[in-house]
N, C-alpha and C. Protein backbone atom coordinates (compact mmCIF):
# COMPACT_ATOMS: atom_id res chain seq x y z
N MET A 1 126.67 69.91 112.62
CA MET A 1 125.64 68.88 112.14
C MET A 1 124.11 69.58 112.18
N LEU A 2 123.40 69.17 111.19
CA LEU A 2 122.17 69.69 111.16
C LEU A 2 121.06 68.88 111.89
N THR A 3 120.32 69.44 112.50
CA THR A 3 119.11 68.58 113.05
C THR A 3 118.36 67.88 112.26
N CYS A 4 117.51 66.94 112.58
CA CYS A 4 116.43 66.30 111.82
C CYS A 4 115.60 67.10 111.23
N ALA A 5 114.97 68.11 112.05
CA ALA A 5 114.03 69.22 111.60
C ALA A 5 114.66 70.10 110.54
N ALA A 6 115.94 70.57 110.56
CA ALA A 6 116.68 71.51 109.68
C ALA A 6 116.71 70.57 108.35
N ASN A 7 117.17 69.33 108.41
CA ASN A 7 117.14 68.43 107.28
C ASN A 7 115.95 68.37 106.48
N GLU A 8 114.86 68.17 107.28
CA GLU A 8 113.49 68.13 106.65
C GLU A 8 112.93 69.51 106.11
N THR A 9 113.47 70.54 106.73
CA THR A 9 113.05 71.73 106.16
C THR A 9 113.88 71.98 104.85
N ARG A 10 115.18 71.58 104.80
CA ARG A 10 115.91 71.75 103.40
C ARG A 10 115.26 70.90 102.56
N MET A 11 114.81 69.60 102.66
CA MET A 11 114.30 68.71 101.86
C MET A 11 112.90 69.36 101.35
N ASN A 12 112.11 69.80 102.22
CA ASN A 12 110.91 70.44 101.99
C ASN A 12 111.15 71.55 100.72
N LYS A 13 112.08 72.43 101.12
CA LYS A 13 112.49 73.50 100.18
C LYS A 13 112.86 72.98 98.87
N ARG A 14 113.54 71.99 98.73
CA ARG A 14 114.03 71.48 97.59
C ARG A 14 112.85 70.77 96.85
N LEU A 15 111.92 70.07 97.49
CA LEU A 15 110.89 69.50 96.94
C LEU A 15 109.74 70.74 96.31
N ASN A 16 109.66 71.58 97.22
CA ASN A 16 108.83 72.83 96.70
C ASN A 16 109.40 73.58 95.40
N SER A 17 110.71 73.72 95.45
CA SER A 17 111.26 74.25 94.28
C SER A 17 110.91 73.42 92.96
N PHE A 18 111.08 72.14 93.10
CA PHE A 18 110.51 71.28 92.00
C PHE A 18 109.14 71.49 91.73
N LYS A 19 108.28 71.55 92.83
CA LYS A 19 106.77 71.68 92.48
C LYS A 19 106.45 72.97 91.85
N TYR A 20 107.25 74.20 92.28
CA TYR A 20 106.90 75.40 91.70
C TYR A 20 107.41 75.29 90.17
N ALA A 21 108.57 74.66 89.75
CA ALA A 21 108.95 74.73 88.52
C ALA A 21 107.86 73.91 87.65
N TRP A 22 107.49 72.54 88.34
CA TRP A 22 106.67 72.08 87.36
C TRP A 22 105.24 72.82 87.19
N ASN A 23 104.89 73.52 88.16
CA ASN A 23 103.66 74.32 88.13
C ASN A 23 103.98 75.41 86.91
N GLY A 24 105.09 76.01 86.84
CA GLY A 24 105.39 77.01 85.93
C GLY A 24 105.30 76.22 84.44
N ILE A 25 105.93 75.02 84.27
CA ILE A 25 105.63 74.42 82.86
C ILE A 25 104.21 74.21 82.77
N ARG A 26 103.46 73.66 83.71
CA ARG A 26 102.19 73.33 83.36
C ARG A 26 101.34 74.64 83.18
N LYS A 27 101.65 75.69 83.68
CA LYS A 27 100.99 76.92 83.35
C LYS A 27 101.23 77.24 82.04
N THR A 28 102.49 77.13 81.50
CA THR A 28 102.82 77.70 80.31
C THR A 28 102.21 76.75 79.30
N VAL A 29 102.04 75.40 79.48
CA VAL A 29 101.55 74.54 78.46
C VAL A 29 99.92 74.95 78.31
N LYS A 30 99.49 75.20 79.52
CA LYS A 30 97.90 75.47 79.50
C LYS A 30 97.62 76.80 78.67
N SER A 31 98.46 77.76 78.95
CA SER A 31 98.21 79.20 78.33
C SER A 31 98.94 79.52 77.18
N GLU A 32 99.68 78.99 76.66
CA GLU A 32 100.53 79.43 75.55
C GLU A 32 100.41 78.48 74.36
N ARG A 33 99.94 79.00 73.41
CA ARG A 33 99.54 78.28 72.19
C ARG A 33 100.87 77.67 71.49
N ASN A 34 101.98 78.60 71.38
CA ASN A 34 103.11 78.21 70.87
C ASN A 34 103.72 76.95 71.54
N MET A 35 103.48 77.02 72.97
CA MET A 35 104.14 75.74 73.69
C MET A 35 103.48 74.55 73.44
N GLN A 36 102.07 74.66 73.17
CA GLN A 36 101.36 73.53 72.69
C GLN A 36 101.81 72.92 71.30
N ILE A 37 102.04 73.83 70.48
CA ILE A 37 102.51 73.71 69.09
C ILE A 37 103.92 72.85 69.17
N HIS A 38 104.80 73.48 69.96
CA HIS A 38 106.08 72.87 70.18
C HIS A 38 105.96 71.39 70.87
N LEU A 39 105.00 71.19 71.57
CA LEU A 39 104.88 69.76 72.19
C LEU A 39 104.21 68.90 71.13
N LEU A 40 103.31 69.34 70.23
CA LEU A 40 102.87 68.58 69.20
C LEU A 40 103.94 68.21 68.27
N PHE A 41 104.94 68.92 67.95
CA PHE A 41 106.17 68.59 67.22
C PHE A 41 107.04 67.49 67.75
N VAL A 42 107.19 67.76 69.34
CA VAL A 42 107.87 66.71 69.94
C VAL A 42 107.30 65.40 69.93
N VAL A 43 105.91 65.21 69.96
CA VAL A 43 105.20 63.98 69.86
C VAL A 43 105.30 63.41 68.37
N ALA A 44 105.26 64.47 67.28
CA ALA A 44 105.47 63.98 66.00
C ALA A 44 106.88 63.36 65.73
N VAL A 45 107.77 64.10 66.22
CA VAL A 45 109.22 63.67 65.96
C VAL A 45 109.39 62.39 66.72
N VAL A 46 108.98 62.15 67.99
CA VAL A 46 109.16 60.92 68.70
C VAL A 46 108.59 59.84 67.80
N GLY A 47 107.35 60.04 67.28
CA GLY A 47 106.66 59.08 66.45
C GLY A 47 107.52 58.59 65.29
N CYS A 48 107.93 59.84 64.52
CA CYS A 48 108.90 59.51 63.44
C CYS A 48 110.13 58.80 63.84
N GLY A 49 110.70 59.10 64.85
CA GLY A 49 111.88 58.39 65.55
C GLY A 49 111.69 56.90 65.64
N LEU A 50 110.51 56.58 66.18
CA LEU A 50 110.18 55.32 66.61
C LEU A 50 109.91 54.47 65.26
N VAL A 51 109.32 55.14 64.15
CA VAL A 51 108.86 54.56 62.84
C VAL A 51 110.11 54.17 62.24
N PHE A 52 111.00 55.16 62.08
CA PHE A 52 112.39 55.21 61.41
C PHE A 52 113.48 54.41 62.18
N HIS A 53 113.33 54.12 63.30
CA HIS A 53 114.30 53.45 64.11
C HIS A 53 115.67 54.38 63.99
N ILE A 54 115.61 55.61 64.35
CA ILE A 54 116.63 56.42 64.28
C ILE A 54 117.76 55.89 65.40
N SER A 55 118.92 56.23 65.12
CA SER A 55 120.18 55.87 65.96
C SER A 55 120.05 56.53 67.33
N ARG A 56 121.17 56.05 68.27
CA ARG A 56 121.04 56.70 69.48
C ARG A 56 121.47 58.11 69.35
N MET A 57 122.43 58.44 68.55
CA MET A 57 123.16 59.74 68.49
C MET A 57 122.00 60.65 67.84
N GLU A 58 120.98 60.11 66.92
CA GLU A 58 120.01 60.88 66.40
C GLU A 58 118.95 61.25 67.60
N TRP A 59 118.73 60.20 68.36
CA TRP A 59 117.74 60.62 69.47
C TRP A 59 118.34 61.58 70.48
N ILE A 60 119.70 61.57 70.62
CA ILE A 60 120.36 62.50 71.47
C ILE A 60 120.19 63.95 70.93
N ALA A 61 120.44 64.00 69.55
CA ALA A 61 120.29 65.37 68.85
C ALA A 61 118.88 65.76 69.09
N CYS A 62 117.94 65.01 68.82
CA CYS A 62 116.43 65.14 68.94
C CYS A 62 116.09 65.70 70.33
N VAL A 63 116.45 65.01 71.36
CA VAL A 63 116.36 65.41 72.81
C VAL A 63 116.85 66.73 73.14
N ILE A 64 118.08 66.97 72.66
CA ILE A 64 118.62 68.23 72.95
C ILE A 64 117.84 69.38 72.14
N CYS A 65 117.31 69.00 71.02
CA CYS A 65 116.60 70.03 70.20
C CYS A 65 115.12 70.37 71.08
N PHE A 66 114.58 69.24 71.68
CA PHE A 66 113.37 69.31 72.27
C PHE A 66 113.65 70.36 73.58
N GLY A 67 114.69 69.91 74.23
CA GLY A 67 114.91 70.81 75.48
C GLY A 67 115.37 72.30 75.17
N MET A 68 116.12 72.39 74.07
CA MET A 68 116.38 73.82 73.72
C MET A 68 115.15 74.60 73.32
N VAL A 69 114.27 74.17 72.56
CA VAL A 69 113.15 74.86 72.13
C VAL A 69 112.07 75.00 73.30
N ILE A 70 111.84 73.97 74.16
CA ILE A 70 110.86 74.18 75.32
C ILE A 70 111.41 75.01 76.29
N SER A 71 112.64 74.92 76.44
CA SER A 71 113.42 76.02 77.60
C SER A 71 113.36 77.45 76.95
N ALA A 72 113.63 77.55 75.67
CA ALA A 72 113.40 78.80 75.20
C ALA A 72 111.93 79.46 75.32
N GLU A 73 111.05 78.56 74.96
CA GLU A 73 109.77 79.08 75.17
C GLU A 73 109.31 79.32 76.57
N LEU A 74 109.89 78.60 77.58
CA LEU A 74 109.47 78.86 78.83
C LEU A 74 110.24 80.34 79.29
N ILE A 75 111.52 80.47 78.75
CA ILE A 75 112.10 81.78 79.22
C ILE A 75 111.42 82.90 78.44
N ASN A 76 110.97 82.61 77.27
CA ASN A 76 110.14 83.79 76.45
C ASN A 76 108.88 84.12 77.18
N THR A 77 108.25 83.07 77.66
CA THR A 77 107.02 83.47 78.43
C THR A 77 107.23 84.10 79.76
N ALA A 78 108.24 83.76 80.51
CA ALA A 78 108.75 84.44 81.70
C ALA A 78 109.03 85.93 81.39
N ILE A 79 109.78 86.08 80.26
CA ILE A 79 110.10 87.42 79.92
C ILE A 79 108.77 88.34 79.56
N GLU A 80 108.13 87.81 78.68
CA GLU A 80 106.74 88.45 78.46
C GLU A 80 105.95 88.84 79.58
N THR A 81 105.87 87.78 80.47
CA THR A 81 105.07 87.98 81.69
C THR A 81 105.60 89.21 82.61
N ILE A 82 106.84 89.21 82.85
CA ILE A 82 107.43 90.26 83.54
C ILE A 82 107.28 91.71 82.71
N VAL A 83 107.58 91.69 81.68
CA VAL A 83 107.44 92.93 80.78
C VAL A 83 106.01 93.37 80.97
N ASN A 84 105.13 92.62 80.64
CA ASN A 84 103.64 92.92 80.84
C ASN A 84 103.36 93.46 82.12
N MET A 85 104.01 92.92 83.22
CA MET A 85 103.62 93.43 84.61
C MET A 85 104.28 94.77 84.81
N VAL A 86 105.43 94.99 84.43
CA VAL A 86 106.18 96.21 84.79
C VAL A 86 105.94 97.24 83.67
N SER A 87 105.39 96.92 82.51
CA SER A 87 105.14 97.86 81.55
C SER A 87 103.80 97.41 80.70
N PRO A 88 102.71 97.77 81.43
CA PRO A 88 101.44 97.46 80.77
C PRO A 88 100.96 98.27 79.61
N GLU A 89 101.56 99.49 79.55
CA GLU A 89 101.42 100.17 78.20
C GLU A 89 102.53 99.77 77.31
N TRP A 90 102.41 99.90 76.13
CA TRP A 90 103.57 99.65 75.10
C TRP A 90 104.55 100.66 75.34
N GLN A 91 105.98 100.19 75.42
CA GLN A 91 106.99 101.14 75.53
C GLN A 91 108.17 100.40 74.53
N PRO A 92 108.86 101.23 73.81
CA PRO A 92 109.79 100.59 72.92
C PRO A 92 110.74 99.65 73.49
N LEU A 93 111.20 99.86 74.57
CA LEU A 93 112.15 98.72 75.02
C LEU A 93 111.50 97.53 75.61
N ALA A 94 110.29 97.77 76.04
CA ALA A 94 109.63 96.50 76.42
C ALA A 94 109.27 95.78 75.20
N GLY A 95 108.93 96.46 74.18
CA GLY A 95 108.63 95.65 72.82
C GLY A 95 109.90 94.98 72.43
N LYS A 96 111.09 95.70 72.68
CA LYS A 96 112.11 95.20 71.98
C LYS A 96 112.75 93.96 72.79
N ALA A 97 112.51 93.97 74.20
CA ALA A 97 112.76 92.78 75.01
C ALA A 97 111.89 91.58 74.71
N LYS A 98 110.61 91.88 74.39
CA LYS A 98 109.73 91.03 73.88
C LYS A 98 109.98 90.14 72.55
N ASP A 99 110.50 91.12 71.82
CA ASP A 99 110.80 90.67 70.49
C ASP A 99 112.24 89.83 70.50
N ILE A 100 113.19 90.37 71.11
CA ILE A 100 114.46 89.46 71.32
C ILE A 100 114.02 88.07 71.98
N ALA A 101 113.26 88.02 73.00
CA ALA A 101 112.84 86.83 73.55
C ALA A 101 112.29 85.77 72.66
N ALA A 102 111.29 86.51 71.81
CA ALA A 102 110.70 85.67 70.82
C ALA A 102 111.52 85.13 69.63
N GLY A 103 112.52 86.02 69.25
CA GLY A 103 113.46 85.64 68.31
C GLY A 103 114.39 84.47 68.90
N ALA A 104 114.67 84.37 70.11
CA ALA A 104 115.41 83.31 70.79
C ALA A 104 114.65 81.98 70.43
N VAL A 105 113.33 81.92 70.87
CA VAL A 105 112.58 81.01 70.45
C VAL A 105 112.49 80.33 68.98
N LEU A 106 112.43 81.58 68.25
CA LEU A 106 112.37 81.26 66.64
C LEU A 106 113.89 80.67 66.25
N ALA A 107 114.85 81.29 66.72
CA ALA A 107 116.11 80.63 66.27
C ALA A 107 116.36 79.16 66.84
N ALA A 108 115.92 78.98 68.16
CA ALA A 108 115.99 77.47 68.47
C ALA A 108 115.10 76.72 67.77
N ALA A 109 113.92 77.07 67.45
CA ALA A 109 112.95 76.35 66.37
C ALA A 109 113.61 76.00 65.13
N ILE A 110 114.24 77.04 64.42
CA ILE A 110 114.80 76.84 63.23
C ILE A 110 115.94 75.82 63.24
N PHE A 111 116.82 76.03 64.26
CA PHE A 111 117.88 75.19 64.35
C PHE A 111 117.46 73.71 64.69
N ALA A 112 116.34 73.44 65.42
CA ALA A 112 115.75 72.25 65.69
C ALA A 112 115.11 71.67 64.36
N ALA A 113 114.42 72.52 63.60
CA ALA A 113 113.92 71.85 62.24
C ALA A 113 115.01 71.53 61.32
N ILE A 114 116.30 72.34 61.18
CA ILE A 114 117.23 71.94 60.40
C ILE A 114 117.88 70.57 60.91
N THR A 115 117.91 70.42 62.10
CA THR A 115 118.26 69.05 62.57
C THR A 115 117.49 67.94 62.30
N GLY A 116 116.01 68.40 62.54
CA GLY A 116 115.12 67.22 62.03
C GLY A 116 115.18 66.87 60.68
N ILE A 117 115.46 68.00 59.79
CA ILE A 117 115.64 67.70 58.35
C ILE A 117 116.71 66.88 58.06
N ILE A 118 117.87 67.03 58.71
CA ILE A 118 119.23 66.37 58.49
C ILE A 118 118.72 64.89 58.75
N ILE A 119 118.29 64.58 59.89
CA ILE A 119 117.81 63.38 60.39
C ILE A 119 116.83 62.46 59.63
N PHE A 120 115.63 63.22 59.29
CA PHE A 120 114.62 62.49 58.84
C PHE A 120 114.29 62.60 57.19
N LEU A 121 115.00 63.60 56.56
CA LEU A 121 114.82 63.61 55.20
C LEU A 121 115.34 62.59 54.37
N PRO A 122 116.56 62.08 54.78
CA PRO A 122 117.17 60.85 54.08
C PRO A 122 116.26 59.79 54.25
N LYS A 123 115.67 59.65 55.46
CA LYS A 123 114.91 58.37 55.69
C LYS A 123 113.47 58.41 54.99
N PHE A 124 113.01 59.53 54.92
CA PHE A 124 111.76 59.78 54.08
C PHE A 124 112.10 59.35 52.61
N MET A 125 113.31 59.98 52.14
CA MET A 125 113.53 59.71 50.71
C MET A 125 113.82 58.32 50.27
N GLU A 126 114.35 57.73 51.32
CA GLU A 126 114.64 56.09 51.19
C GLU A 126 113.31 55.50 51.19
N LEU A 127 112.51 55.93 52.03
CA LEU A 127 110.91 55.27 52.01
C LEU A 127 110.35 55.32 50.59
N ILE A 128 110.35 56.69 50.07
CA ILE A 128 109.78 56.96 48.86
C ILE A 128 110.45 56.22 47.76
N ASN A 129 111.73 56.20 47.65
CA ASN A 129 112.51 55.40 46.47
C ASN A 129 112.18 53.91 46.70
N ALA A 130 111.87 53.34 47.97
CA ALA A 130 111.80 51.95 48.03
C ALA A 130 110.48 51.34 47.40
N ARG A 131 109.55 52.40 47.19
CA ARG A 131 108.25 51.99 46.60
C ARG A 131 108.29 52.05 45.23
């Protein structure tokens, strides 16, 4: 059995891990222009979703896309930070790692955009045709 102090220490460690993770997200939002752009798109898509009353399944698809793109951007930022730390001068493999990480973000964003087009284009077309 764990003592009360041991339980408290384990709880503090868990709480600290969330605090550190949130701190990483906050730092990325403040320092990375692309993350700010991704978040603007999240706000725009949420606004469009509310205006067009998208279905529950469409919301699920949007939320998955949000998570995919934001997570990819966080991982990309972490990789770029580590590469810059261990290889301050340009190295071919460092550049390759950074390019691949950026490519992962681009792929996530492209597939999110395709999902958005599938969901919202028919709704926009319906709005235009109704006028």
